[in-house]
Protein backbone atom coordinates (compact mmCIF):
# COMPACT_ATOMS: atom_id res chain seq x y z
CA UNK A 1 48.32 31.88 -33.29
CA UNK A 2 49.62 31.14 -36.76
CA UNK A 3 49.68 27.53 -37.83
CA UNK A 4 50.49 25.33 -40.79
CA UNK A 5 49.42 21.82 -41.84
CA UNK A 6 51.85 19.25 -43.22
CA UNK A 7 49.62 16.41 -44.40
CA UNK A 8 49.55 14.50 -47.68
CA UNK A 9 45.94 13.10 -47.47
CA UNK A 10 43.25 15.57 -48.73
CA UNK A 11 40.49 14.22 -46.38
CA UNK A 12 42.76 14.79 -43.36
CA UNK A 13 43.67 18.25 -44.67
CA UNK A 14 39.98 19.16 -44.93
CA UNK A 15 39.27 18.07 -41.36
CA UNK A 16 42.17 20.02 -39.93
CA UNK A 17 41.24 23.10 -41.98
CA UNK A 18 37.67 22.97 -40.70
CA UNK A 19 38.73 22.49 -37.08
CA UNK A 20 41.25 25.36 -37.29
CA UNK A 21 38.60 27.62 -38.87
CA UNK A 22 36.23 26.80 -35.99
CA UNK A 23 38.82 28.01 -33.40
CA UNK A 24 38.88 31.77 -33.34
CA UNK A 25 42.38 32.06 -32.01
CA UNK A 26 44.02 30.13 -34.89
CA UNK A 27 45.04 31.41 -38.32
CA UNK A 28 45.96 28.88 -40.98
CA UNK A 29 48.88 30.24 -43.00
CA UNK A 30 49.58 27.35 -45.42
CA UNK A 31 49.00 23.64 -46.13
CA UNK A 32 51.86 21.45 -47.39
CA UNK A 33 51.60 17.91 -48.87
CA UNK A 34 55.05 16.96 -47.65
CA UNK A 35 57.71 18.19 -45.23
CA UNK A 36 60.28 19.20 -47.81
CA UNK A 37 57.95 21.83 -49.31
CA UNK A 38 57.40 23.29 -45.78
CA UNK A 39 61.10 23.85 -45.06
CA UNK A 40 61.54 27.18 -46.87
CA UNK A 41 58.33 28.55 -45.39
CA UNK A 42 59.47 27.74 -41.84
CA UNK A 43 62.75 29.57 -42.48
CA UNK A 44 61.06 32.78 -43.46
CA UNK A 45 57.71 32.84 -41.63
CA UNK A 46 56.73 32.90 -37.93
CA UNK A 47 54.71 29.79 -37.09
CA UNK A 48 53.32 29.00 -33.65
CA UNK A 49 51.79 25.57 -34.25
CA UNK A 50 52.61 22.90 -36.83
CA UNK A 51 50.15 20.06 -37.39
CA UNK A 52 52.49 17.35 -38.64
CA UNK A 53 51.52 14.01 -40.11
CA UNK A 54 54.03 11.21 -39.42
CA UNK A 55 53.62 9.13 -42.60
CA UNK A 56 54.64 11.54 -45.38
CA UNK A 57 56.29 11.12 -48.77
CA UNK A 58 60.04 11.75 -49.12
CA UNK A 59 60.73 12.09 -45.41
CA UNK A 60 58.68 11.11 -42.36
CA UNK A 61 57.25 13.67 -40.02
CA UNK A 62 59.45 12.36 -37.19
CA UNK A 63 62.65 12.56 -39.24
CA UNK A 64 61.68 16.01 -40.47
CA UNK A 65 61.11 17.22 -36.92
CA UNK A 66 64.59 16.03 -35.93
CA UNK A 67 66.12 18.28 -38.59
CA UNK A 68 64.60 21.48 -37.25
CA UNK A 69 66.86 23.38 -34.89
CA UNK A 70 64.09 25.57 -33.47
CA UNK A 71 60.74 24.06 -34.40
CA UNK A 72 57.35 25.61 -33.62
CA UNK A 73 54.99 23.86 -31.21
CA UNK A 74 54.20 20.54 -32.89
CA UNK A 75 50.97 18.51 -32.74
CA UNK A 76 51.51 15.18 -34.43
CA UNK A 77 48.66 13.57 -36.44
CA UNK A 78 48.69 9.94 -37.50
CA UNK A 79 46.59 6.83 -37.85
CA UNK A 80 49.24 4.73 -36.11
CA UNK A 81 49.78 4.79 -32.34
CA UNK A 82 53.26 3.16 -32.54
CA UNK A 83 55.12 6.48 -32.69
CA UNK A 84 53.60 8.12 -29.58
CA UNK A 85 56.59 7.57 -27.30
CA UNK A 86 59.14 8.78 -29.87
CA UNK A 87 56.98 11.82 -30.52
CA UNK A 88 56.95 12.79 -26.85
CA UNK A 89 60.71 12.26 -26.70
CA UNK A 90 60.88 15.11 -29.18
CA UNK A 91 58.75 17.24 -26.88
CA UNK A 92 55.71 17.55 -29.12
CA UNK A 93 52.71 19.31 -27.65
CA UNK A 94 50.30 16.45 -28.32
CA UNK A 95 49.68 13.34 -30.42
CA UNK A 96 46.36 13.15 -32.27
CA UNK A 97 45.37 9.67 -33.36
CA UNK A 98 43.17 9.65 -36.48
CA UNK A 99 40.23 9.90 -36.66
CA UNK A 100 40.02 12.48 -33.86
CA UNK A 101 37.08 14.57 -32.74
CA UNK A 102 36.83 18.36 -32.51
CA UNK A 103 36.83 18.02 -28.72
CA UNK A 104 40.13 16.06 -28.83
CA UNK A 105 41.52 18.70 -31.20
CA UNK A 106 40.65 21.45 -28.69
CA UNK A 107 42.36 19.49 -25.91
CA UNK A 108 45.58 19.48 -28.01
CA UNK A 109 45.34 23.22 -28.72
CA UNK A 110 44.80 23.97 -25.02
CA UNK A 111 48.25 22.43 -24.29
CA UNK A 112 50.07 25.00 -26.40
CA UNK A 113 51.80 27.49 -24.05
CA UNK A 114 50.14 30.90 -23.90
CA UNK A 115 53.48 32.48 -24.81
CA UNK A 116 52.90 31.41 -28.40
CA UNK A 117 51.32 34.71 -29.47
CA UNK A 118 52.17 36.49 -32.71
CA UNK A 119 49.78 39.45 -32.45
CA UNK A 120 51.51 42.41 -30.79
CA UNK A 121 48.18 43.33 -29.13
CA UNK A 122 48.19 40.07 -27.21
CA UNK A 123 51.68 40.49 -25.70
CA UNK A 124 51.76 40.11 -21.95
CA UNK A 125 52.70 42.98 -19.66
CA UNK A 126 55.16 40.53 -18.11
CA UNK A 127 57.54 41.44 -20.96
CA UNK A 128 58.27 44.61 -18.94
CA UNK A 129 58.05 43.00 -15.54
CA UNK A 130 59.64 39.53 -15.32
CA UNK A 131 57.45 37.09 -13.49
CA UNK A 132 58.78 35.60 -10.27
CA UNK A 133 56.25 32.81 -9.88
CA UNK A 134 54.85 30.14 -12.16
CA UNK A 135 52.00 27.67 -11.97
CA UNK A 136 52.53 23.94 -12.46
CA UNK A 137 49.58 21.94 -13.80
CA UNK A 138 49.64 18.64 -11.94
CA UNK A 139 46.60 16.48 -12.57
CA UNK A 140 43.59 18.69 -11.82
CA UNK A 141 45.61 21.17 -9.74
CA UNK A 142 47.63 24.27 -10.51
CA UNK A 143 50.46 24.66 -7.98
CA UNK A 144 52.24 28.01 -7.63
CA UNK A 145 56.01 27.95 -7.09
CA UNK A 146 58.72 30.55 -7.12
CA UNK A 147 60.86 30.40 -10.26
CA UNK A 148 64.03 30.94 -8.23
CA UNK A 149 63.22 27.79 -6.26
CA UNK A 150 63.45 25.59 -9.37
CA UNK A 151 66.71 23.62 -9.42
CA UNK A 152 66.16 21.54 -12.56
CA UNK A 153 63.43 19.99 -14.71
CA UNK A 154 63.53 16.44 -16.08
CA UNK A 155 61.47 14.82 -18.78
CA UNK A 156 60.17 11.34 -17.90
CA UNK A 157 58.03 9.66 -20.53
CA UNK A 158 54.53 11.18 -20.34
CA UNK A 159 55.26 13.88 -17.75
CA UNK A 160 57.99 16.19 -16.42
CA UNK A 161 59.46 16.39 -12.95
CA UNK A 162 60.03 19.93 -11.61
CA UNK A 163 62.68 19.69 -8.87
CA UNK A 164 62.70 22.63 -6.48
CA UNK A 165 64.31 23.50 -3.21
CA UNK A 166 60.97 22.71 -1.58
CA UNK A 167 60.36 19.33 -3.20
CA UNK A 168 59.49 17.61 -6.49
CA UNK A 169 56.36 18.28 -8.53
CA UNK A 170 54.99 16.30 -11.47
CA UNK A 171 53.61 18.16 -14.46
CA UNK A 172 51.52 17.05 -17.42
CA UNK A 173 53.32 19.57 -19.68
CA UNK A 174 56.23 18.51 -21.93
CA UNK A 175 59.74 19.85 -21.59
CA UNK A 176 59.14 22.22 -24.52
CA UNK A 177 56.46 24.00 -22.49
CA UNK A 178 58.93 24.83 -19.69
CA UNK A 179 61.56 26.07 -22.15
CA UNK A 180 59.07 28.71 -23.29
CA UNK A 181 57.55 29.39 -19.93
CA UNK A 182 60.97 30.06 -18.32
CA UNK A 183 62.39 32.02 -21.23
CA UNK A 184 64.20 35.11 -20.00
CA UNK A 185 65.21 33.51 -16.73
CA UNK A 186 68.38 31.61 -15.81
CA UNK A 187 67.50 28.29 -17.35
CA UNK A 188 69.27 26.27 -20.02
CA UNK A 189 68.72 22.92 -21.67
CA UNK A 190 71.78 20.67 -21.33
CA UNK A 191 70.29 17.42 -22.54
CA UNK A 192 67.20 16.25 -24.38
CA UNK A 193 65.72 15.30 -21.00
CA UNK A 194 67.02 18.12 -18.72
CA UNK A 195 66.68 21.85 -18.12
CA UNK A 196 68.65 23.39 -15.28
CA UNK A 197 68.76 26.64 -13.39
CA UNK A 198 72.22 28.08 -14.04
CA UNK A 199 72.13 29.95 -10.79
CA UNK A 200 72.17 26.60 -9.00
CA UNK A 201 75.42 25.43 -10.60
CA UNK A 202 78.32 24.69 -8.26
CA UNK A 203 80.77 23.23 -10.76
CA UNK A 204 81.07 21.52 -14.14
CA UNK A 205 83.26 18.47 -14.67
CA UNK A 206 83.47 16.79 -18.04
CA UNK A 207 79.95 16.10 -19.24
CA UNK A 208 78.33 16.59 -15.81
CA UNK A 209 76.95 19.70 -14.15
CA UNK A 210 76.95 19.62 -10.35
CA UNK A 211 74.09 21.59 -8.85
CA UNK A 212 73.29 22.37 -5.21
CA UNK A 213 72.65 19.38 -2.93
CA UNK A 214 75.07 17.27 -5.00
CA UNK A 215 72.63 16.91 -7.88
CA UNK A 216 74.34 15.75 -11.08
CA UNK A 217 72.91 16.68 -14.51
CA UNK A 218 74.33 15.31 -17.82
CA UNK A 219 75.41 17.53 -20.70
CA UNK A 220 74.45 16.06 -24.10
CA UNK A 221 76.91 16.44 -26.94
CA UNK A 222 74.42 18.39 -29.03
CA UNK A 223 73.94 20.99 -26.25
CA UNK A 224 77.46 21.30 -24.76
CA UNK A 225 78.98 23.98 -27.04
CA UNK A 226 76.00 26.36 -26.74
CA UNK A 227 75.72 25.69 -22.97
CA UNK A 228 79.35 26.52 -22.28
CA UNK A 229 79.26 29.64 -24.49
CA UNK A 230 76.20 30.90 -22.60
CA UNK A 231 78.05 30.50 -19.26
CA UNK A 232 81.32 32.05 -20.32
CA UNK A 233 80.11 34.97 -22.45
């Protein structure tokens, strides 16, 4: 997986570079001392993981992340714990609190969805055969469910709720994980906290989507235009 570092402190850059070099599946493409200098690179290059410091010159890591329409998987790095909740609201993969160990670094990497592969040799055969089932990591368990049974997914602080026709499941994975895992199926994000199965829609009224079993899902202003176009095309 290709990755970049956005970090203004040389000691922190050195630690991240060493940890990345020690992981055989990661390739460091570039190191940037601020977010502004990384913008052009992200426009033109495929990046799977971005190690992003929060306290940066010119623009903070959080504010920079908010400007990206389709960011790569993000692992925040910072010496301050205060921004953890806001980071997870932006669906980051993980939040590394400095100083962090190599073991903690590996834990963060392990949370990146396996779909983040740039090497053509590593592409899954499921590209040709769409999967019908998916595994939900809940605590120490992996629960198999049918994708067609999923009604909607909701982000709730440190976890996500997967609502299915057979019940609700809690997952440790962020909403961003499910966007990638369900890519190619009938799922769409209508709100910063909701993904829904478009095959479960019964009607749309104003800024609400009514799903089966009288479930109501909000449509955020930032998502409404793209959502309606996807349904009506």
